[in-house]
Amino acid sequence: MLDSDPRGAVRASLEAAQRGDPAIWISLVAPEQALARADEVAAAGDLPLRGLTFAVKDNIDVAGMPT
C-alpha cells in the first residue's frame, strides 16, 4: 500500500490487520507506536519509501518484536 500520508497508511494497515483471517496471526507494534513513527516519517519530509507499509517475517530479528 502506498499513501503519501504516513499516518493514513498506518491507519489503513491497522484496519486491514483487524479484518484479517483469525487463523492467521501476526505480531503488531502498538497502534500508538506505529502512529508516532508515522508522525516522525511525515516530519522528515519527502522520503523514497514514505507511505509504504510492509511486514517482516518472524525469522528476521527486529528490535522490540518477538521472533
C-alpha atoms as a PDB file:
ATOM      1  CA  MET A   1       0.000   0.000   0.000  1.00  0.00           C
ATOM      2  CA  LEU A   2       1.343   3.423  -0.906  1.00  0.00           C
ATOM      3  CA  ASP A   3      -0.134   6.519   0.688  1.00  0.00           C
ATOM      4  CA  SER A   4       1.504   9.949   0.683  1.00  0.00           C
ATOM      5  CA  ASP A   5       0.180  10.432   4.228  1.00  0.00           C
ATOM      6  CA  PRO A   6       2.162   8.100   6.534  1.00  0.00           C
ATOM      7  CA  ARG A   7      -0.487   8.341   9.279  1.00  0.00           C
ATOM      8  CA  GLY A   8      -3.203   7.362   6.794  1.00  0.00           C
ATOM      9  CA  ALA A   9      -1.129   4.430   5.571  1.00  0.00           C
ATOM     10  CA  VAL A  10      -0.644   3.178   9.135  1.00  0.00           C
ATOM     11  CA  ARG A  11      -4.351   3.515   9.940  1.00  0.00           C
ATOM     12  CA  ALA A  12      -5.307   1.631   6.754  1.00  0.00           C
ATOM     13  CA  SER A  13      -2.835  -1.152   7.547  1.00  0.00           C
ATOM     14  CA  LEU A  14      -4.054  -1.493  11.133  1.00  0.00           C
ATOM     15  CA  GLU A  15      -7.665  -1.678   9.939  1.00  0.00           C
ATOM     16  CA  ALA A  16      -6.749  -4.319   7.350  1.00  0.00           C
ATOM     17  CA  ALA A  17      -4.975  -6.387  10.018  1.00  0.00           C
ATOM     18  CA  GLN A  18      -8.087  -6.266  12.217  1.00  0.00           C
ATOM     19  CA  ARG A  19     -10.247  -7.551   9.329  1.00  0.00           C
ATOM     20  CA  GLY A  20      -7.815 -10.396   8.624  1.00  0.00           C
ATOM     21  CA  ASP A  21      -8.372 -14.121   8.817  1.00  0.00           C
ATOM     22  CA  PRO A  22      -8.385 -15.189  12.513  1.00  0.00           C
ATOM     23  CA  ALA A  23      -6.489 -18.362  11.567  1.00  0.00           C
ATOM     24  CA  ILE A  24      -3.522 -16.209  10.543  1.00  0.00           C
ATOM     25  CA  TRP A  25      -1.678 -14.458  13.341  1.00  0.00           C
ATOM     26  CA  ILE A  26       0.668 -11.537  13.147  1.00  0.00           C
ATOM     27  CA  SER A  27       2.631  -9.582  15.753  1.00  0.00           C
ATOM     28  CA  LEU A  28       1.926  -5.876  15.571  1.00  0.00           C
ATOM     29  CA  VAL A  29       3.503  -2.938  17.324  1.00  0.00           C
ATOM     30  CA  ALA A  30       1.082  -0.949  19.460  1.00  0.00           C
ATOM     31  CA  PRO A  31      -1.066   1.383  17.327  1.00  0.00           C
ATOM     32  CA  GLU A  32       0.255   4.387  19.277  1.00  0.00           C
ATOM     33  CA  GLN A  33       3.832   3.373  18.468  1.00  0.00           C
ATOM     34  CA  ALA A  34       3.043   2.918  14.772  1.00  0.00           C
ATOM     35  CA  LEU A  35       1.252   6.282  14.599  1.00  0.00           C
ATOM     36  CA  ALA A  36       4.105   8.037  16.436  1.00  0.00           C
ATOM     37  CA  ARG A  37       6.587   6.617  13.917  1.00  0.00           C
ATOM     38  CA  ALA A  38       4.303   7.747  11.079  1.00  0.00           C
ATOM     39  CA  ASP A  39       4.445  11.280  12.501  1.00  0.00           C
ATOM     40  CA  GLU A  40       8.263  11.093  12.533  1.00  0.00           C
ATOM     41  CA  VAL A  41       8.277   9.990   8.898  1.00  0.00           C
ATOM     42  CA  ALA A  42       5.860  12.795   7.952  1.00  0.00           C
ATOM     43  CA  ALA A  43       8.079  15.365   9.677  1.00  0.00           C
ATOM     44  CA  ALA A  44      11.161  14.056   7.859  1.00  0.00           C
ATOM     45  CA  GLY A  45       9.815  15.267   4.526  1.00  0.00           C
ATOM     46  CA  ASP A  46       9.893  13.513   1.186  1.00  0.00           C
ATOM     47  CA  LEU A  47      11.490  10.096   1.716  1.00  0.00           C
ATOM     48  CA  PRO A  48      11.810   7.454  -1.042  1.00  0.00           C
ATOM     49  CA  LEU A  49       9.628   4.847   0.720  1.00  0.00           C
ATOM     50  CA  ARG A  50       7.324   7.260   2.541  1.00  0.00           C
ATOM     51  CA  GLY A  51       3.864   5.721   2.967  1.00  0.00           C
ATOM     52  CA  LEU A  52       4.958   2.201   2.041  1.00  0.00           C
ATOM     53  CA  THR A  53       3.815  -0.287   4.659  1.00  0.00           C
ATOM     54  CA  PHE A  54       5.422  -3.713   4.928  1.00  0.00           C
ATOM     55  CA  ALA A  55       5.672  -6.854   7.022  1.00  0.00           C
ATOM     56  CA  VAL A  56       8.794  -8.547   8.325  1.00  0.00           C
ATOM     57  CA  LYS A  57       8.799 -12.340   8.538  1.00  0.00           C
ATOM     58  CA  ASP A  58       9.232 -13.637  12.076  1.00  0.00           C
ATOM     59  CA  ASN A  59      12.620 -15.224  11.311  1.00  0.00           C
ATOM     60  CA  ILE A  60      14.142 -11.737  10.917  1.00  0.00           C
ATOM     61  CA  ASP A  61      15.199 -10.026  14.152  1.00  0.00           C
ATOM     62  CA  VAL A  62      13.530  -6.669  14.713  1.00  0.00           C
ATOM     63  CA  ALA A  63      14.342  -4.783  17.917  1.00  0.00           C
ATOM     64  CA  GLY A  64      11.461  -4.935  20.361  1.00  0.00           C
ATOM     65  CA  MET A  65       9.473  -7.576  18.442  1.00  0.00           C
ATOM     66  CA  PRO A  66       9.132 -11.310  19.148  1.00  0.00           C
ATOM     67  CA  THR A  67      10.985 -13.722  16.868  1.00  0.00           C
END
